[in-house]
Amino acid sequence: MSGLFITFEGGDGSGKSTQAALLTTWLEGQGRSVVRTREPGGTDVGTRIREIVLHHRGEVSPRAEALLYAADRAQHIATKVRPALDRGAVVIQDRYLDSSVAYQGAGRVLGATEVRDLSLWAVEGLLPDLTILLDLDESVARTRLDAADKVFDRLEAEKQEFHGRVRAAFLDLAAAEPDRFLVLDAAASVESLADSIRSRVAALL
């Protein structure tokens, strides 16, 4: 595998999309081939799954939710991410298996180990070269989302206790794999976060 796989993680409202866009622009300015994608929804199949897990109005059981995310992930990695890495591209991805461990494993209380094992099986063990965790207090994140005046999806609409479990799970994951994670305070300025991210990525290139 000759490419570089970078994922962005963190709670809703932490600024992942903004930083992913800035990193993409910087890498392309360096002459790198970049594939920017997301989960769920990075493929045609994933787009349909995204509608179910995030916007379906009826009930989706926690285990069904976890399985749908794993199905999206299997398709996404097999048809989009691995081919991009094989041709030497830098893949910048909004959310990956760590989100499932945090949201379904901790948020839905399904168990971190079980959910992680399911995702690892789905992607044949593929882990990112770097995972950037934008950490933000869940109450601050909710204030940001409220200010954006958007319609909440099924996960964003969950109570603060849910998002507190999610944040704690992300921090536990980062503590367990410090070489893979870069943890940043998402309350910092956009510019300072971008600088920190570029410095870490430059060391990998």
Protein backbone atom coordinates (compact mmCIF):
# COMPACT_ATOMS: atom_id res chain seq x y z
CA MET A 1 0.00 0.00 0.00
CA SER A 2 1.65 3.20 -1.17
CA GLY A 3 -0.96 5.81 -0.26
CA LEU A 4 -1.77 7.53 3.03
CA PHE A 5 -5.01 7.00 4.92
CA ILE A 6 -6.08 9.88 7.20
CA THR A 7 -9.35 9.94 9.12
CA PHE A 8 -11.06 12.72 11.07
CA GLU A 9 -13.02 11.84 14.20
CA GLY A 10 -14.87 13.71 16.91
CA GLY A 11 -18.33 14.61 18.06
CA ASP A 12 -20.87 16.43 15.93
CA GLY A 13 -20.00 20.11 15.67
CA SER A 14 -16.27 19.67 16.31
CA GLY A 15 -15.20 21.07 12.93
CA LYS A 16 -14.12 17.90 11.10
CA SER A 17 -15.42 18.99 7.70
CA THR A 18 -13.68 22.36 7.92
CA GLN A 19 -10.32 20.85 8.79
CA ALA A 20 -10.66 18.07 6.22
CA ALA A 21 -11.28 20.68 3.52
CA LEU A 22 -8.28 22.77 4.60
CA LEU A 23 -6.01 19.72 4.66
CA THR A 24 -7.22 18.67 1.21
CA THR A 25 -6.43 22.10 -0.21
CA TRP A 26 -2.97 22.10 1.36
CA LEU A 27 -2.09 18.62 0.10
CA GLU A 28 -3.31 19.37 -3.41
CA GLY A 29 -1.14 22.48 -3.31
CA GLN A 30 1.79 20.16 -2.60
CA GLY A 31 0.95 18.25 -5.77
CA ARG A 32 -0.58 15.27 -3.98
CA SER A 33 -3.47 13.25 -5.37
CA VAL A 34 -6.22 13.47 -2.74
CA VAL A 35 -9.46 11.54 -2.37
CA ARG A 36 -11.80 13.15 0.15
CA THR A 37 -14.65 10.98 1.34
CA ARG A 38 -16.91 10.22 4.29
CA GLU A 39 -18.77 7.52 6.17
CA PRO A 40 -21.53 6.76 5.85
CA GLY A 41 -22.22 7.77 2.27
CA GLY A 42 -18.94 7.61 0.40
CA THR A 43 -20.37 5.36 -2.32
CA ASP A 44 -23.70 4.95 -4.11
CA VAL A 45 -24.58 2.07 -1.80
CA GLY A 46 -23.38 4.12 1.16
CA THR A 47 -25.62 7.04 0.23
CA ARG A 48 -28.64 4.78 0.54
CA ILE A 49 -27.41 3.39 3.86
CA ARG A 50 -26.77 6.94 5.11
CA GLU A 51 -30.41 7.82 4.53
CA ILE A 52 -31.47 4.85 6.64
CA VAL A 53 -29.09 5.28 9.59
CA LEU A 54 -29.26 9.08 9.84
CA HIS A 55 -32.59 10.19 8.39
CA HIS A 56 -34.99 7.24 8.59
CA ARG A 57 -38.09 8.38 10.50
CA GLY A 58 -38.98 4.97 11.88
CA GLU A 59 -37.14 2.97 14.50
CA VAL A 60 -33.76 1.44 13.71
CA SER A 61 -32.61 -0.89 16.48
CA PRO A 62 -29.08 -0.32 17.87
CA ARG A 63 -27.76 -3.62 16.51
CA ALA A 64 -29.29 -2.99 13.10
CA GLU A 65 -27.68 0.45 13.13
CA ALA A 66 -24.25 -1.03 13.90
CA LEU A 67 -24.62 -3.61 11.14
CA LEU A 68 -25.68 -0.98 8.61
CA TYR A 69 -22.61 1.12 9.40
CA ALA A 70 -20.41 -1.97 9.00
CA ALA A 71 -22.03 -2.77 5.65
CA ASP A 72 -21.41 0.77 4.43
CA ARG A 73 -17.80 0.53 5.62
CA ALA A 74 -17.14 -2.78 3.87
CA GLN A 75 -18.41 -1.42 0.55
CA HIS A 76 -16.62 1.89 0.94
CA ILE A 77 -13.20 0.43 1.74
CA ALA A 78 -13.38 -2.27 -0.94
CA THR A 79 -14.57 -0.08 -3.79
CA LYS A 80 -13.19 3.39 -3.06
CA VAL A 81 -10.55 3.62 -0.33
CA ARG A 82 -8.29 0.63 -1.06
CA PRO A 83 -8.16 1.37 -4.81
CA ALA A 84 -7.20 4.99 -4.02
CA LEU A 85 -4.47 3.91 -1.59
CA ASP A 86 -3.15 1.35 -4.07
CA ARG A 87 -2.62 4.04 -6.68
CA GLY A 88 -0.76 6.23 -4.16
CA ALA A 89 -3.43 8.77 -3.27
CA VAL A 90 -3.92 10.42 0.11
CA VAL A 91 -7.37 9.49 1.40
CA ILE A 92 -8.93 12.03 3.77
CA GLN A 93 -12.03 10.59 5.36
CA ASP A 94 -14.68 12.04 7.64
CA ARG A 95 -15.37 9.24 10.18
CA TYR A 96 -14.31 5.61 10.19
CA LEU A 97 -14.49 2.64 12.54
CA ASP A 98 -13.62 4.70 15.62
CA SER A 99 -16.95 6.48 15.18
CA SER A 100 -18.77 3.17 15.33
CA VAL A 101 -16.94 2.22 18.51
CA ALA A 102 -17.85 5.59 20.04
CA TYR A 103 -21.42 6.02 18.78
CA GLN A 104 -22.70 2.46 18.67
CA GLY A 105 -20.33 0.82 21.13
CA ALA A 106 -20.51 3.52 23.82
CA GLY A 107 -23.41 5.76 22.81
CA ARG A 108 -25.77 2.85 22.11
CA VAL A 109 -24.04 0.74 24.81
CA LEU A 110 -23.44 -2.21 22.48
CA GLY A 111 -19.88 -2.78 23.66
CA ALA A 112 -16.68 -1.32 22.23
CA THR A 113 -14.92 -4.63 21.58
CA GLU A 114 -17.82 -6.20 19.70
CA VAL A 115 -18.40 -3.16 17.49
CA ARG A 116 -14.67 -2.74 16.75
CA ASP A 117 -14.30 -6.41 15.85
CA LEU A 118 -17.29 -6.16 13.49
CA SER A 119 -15.76 -3.19 11.67
CA LEU A 120 -12.30 -4.73 11.48
CA TRP A 121 -13.83 -7.84 9.91
CA ALA A 122 -15.75 -5.67 7.43
CA VAL A 123 -12.61 -3.87 6.26
CA GLU A 124 -10.19 -6.81 6.49
CA GLY A 125 -8.21 -5.13 9.25
CA LEU A 126 -7.47 -1.81 7.57
CA LEU A 127 -6.55 0.95 10.04
CA PRO A 128 -5.69 4.58 9.20
CA ASP A 129 -2.12 5.82 9.17
CA LEU A 130 -3.33 8.83 11.15
CA THR A 131 -6.56 9.60 12.97
CA ILE A 132 -7.15 13.24 13.90
CA LEU A 133 -9.50 13.54 16.86
CA LEU A 134 -11.06 16.97 17.29
CA ASP A 135 -12.11 16.89 20.92
CA LEU A 136 -14.85 19.23 22.11
CA ASP A 137 -17.02 19.36 25.21
CA GLU A 138 -20.44 18.02 24.25
CA SER A 139 -22.28 21.08 25.58
CA VAL A 140 -20.11 23.40 23.48
CA ALA A 141 -20.68 21.19 20.46
CA ARG A 142 -24.44 21.39 20.96
CA THR A 143 -24.24 25.20 21.13
CA ARG A 144 -22.40 25.19 17.79
CA LEU A 145 -25.01 22.93 16.21
CA ASP A 146 -27.86 25.06 17.56
CA ALA A 147 -26.22 28.19 16.16
CA ALA A 148 -25.99 26.56 12.73
CA ASP A 149 -29.80 26.29 12.72
CA LYS A 150 -29.76 22.88 11.03
CA VAL A 151 -32.12 19.94 11.14
CA PHE A 152 -30.56 17.33 13.41
CA ASP A 153 -30.05 13.79 12.16
CA ARG A 154 -30.84 10.77 14.36
CA LEU A 155 -27.49 10.83 16.16
CA GLU A 156 -27.18 14.60 16.54
CA ALA A 157 -30.63 14.63 18.15
CA GLU A 158 -29.58 12.29 20.96
CA LYS A 159 -29.39 13.64 24.52
CA GLN A 160 -26.28 15.17 26.05
CA GLU A 161 -25.58 12.02 28.11
CA PHE A 162 -25.29 10.05 24.87
CA HIS A 163 -22.80 12.52 23.45
CA GLY A 164 -20.86 12.51 26.71
CA ARG A 165 -20.37 8.74 26.38
CA VAL A 166 -19.30 9.23 22.78
CA ARG A 167 -16.68 11.82 23.70
CA ALA A 168 -15.28 9.66 26.51
CA ALA A 169 -15.03 6.69 24.16
CA PHE A 170 -13.10 8.70 21.58
CA LEU A 171 -10.61 9.81 24.24
CA ASP A 172 -10.22 6.23 25.45
CA LEU A 173 -9.50 5.08 21.90
CA ALA A 174 -6.88 7.79 21.48
CA ALA A 175 -5.22 6.89 24.77
CA ALA A 176 -5.03 3.24 23.71
CA GLU A 177 -3.38 4.05 20.35
CA PRO A 178 -1.31 7.22 20.83
CA ASP A 179 0.86 6.55 17.77
CA ARG A 180 -2.16 6.56 15.45
CA PHE A 181 -4.10 9.46 17.02
CA LEU A 182 -3.50 13.18 17.02
CA VAL A 183 -5.81 14.69 19.65
CA LEU A 184 -6.53 18.41 19.32
CA ASP A 185 -8.69 20.80 21.31
CA ALA A 186 -11.44 21.69 18.85
CA ALA A 187 -12.11 24.92 20.77
CA ALA A 188 -8.84 26.32 19.35
CA SER A 189 -8.86 28.58 16.31
CA VAL A 190 -9.36 27.12 12.85
CA GLU A 191 -5.90 28.35 11.82
CA SER A 192 -4.02 26.85 14.78
CA LEU A 193 -5.77 23.50 14.33
CA ALA A 194 -4.89 23.49 10.63
CA ASP A 195 -1.24 24.25 11.45
CA SER A 196 -1.04 21.36 13.92
CA ILE A 197 -2.63 18.97 11.45
CA ARG A 198 -0.32 20.00 8.61
CA SER A 199 2.75 19.53 10.81
CA ARG A 200 1.74 15.98 11.71
CA VAL A 201 0.81 15.04 8.15
CA ALA A 202 4.02 16.52 6.75
CA ALA A 203 6.00 14.19 9.01
CA LEU A 204 4.20 11.21 7.46
CA LEU A 205 4.68 12.21 3.83
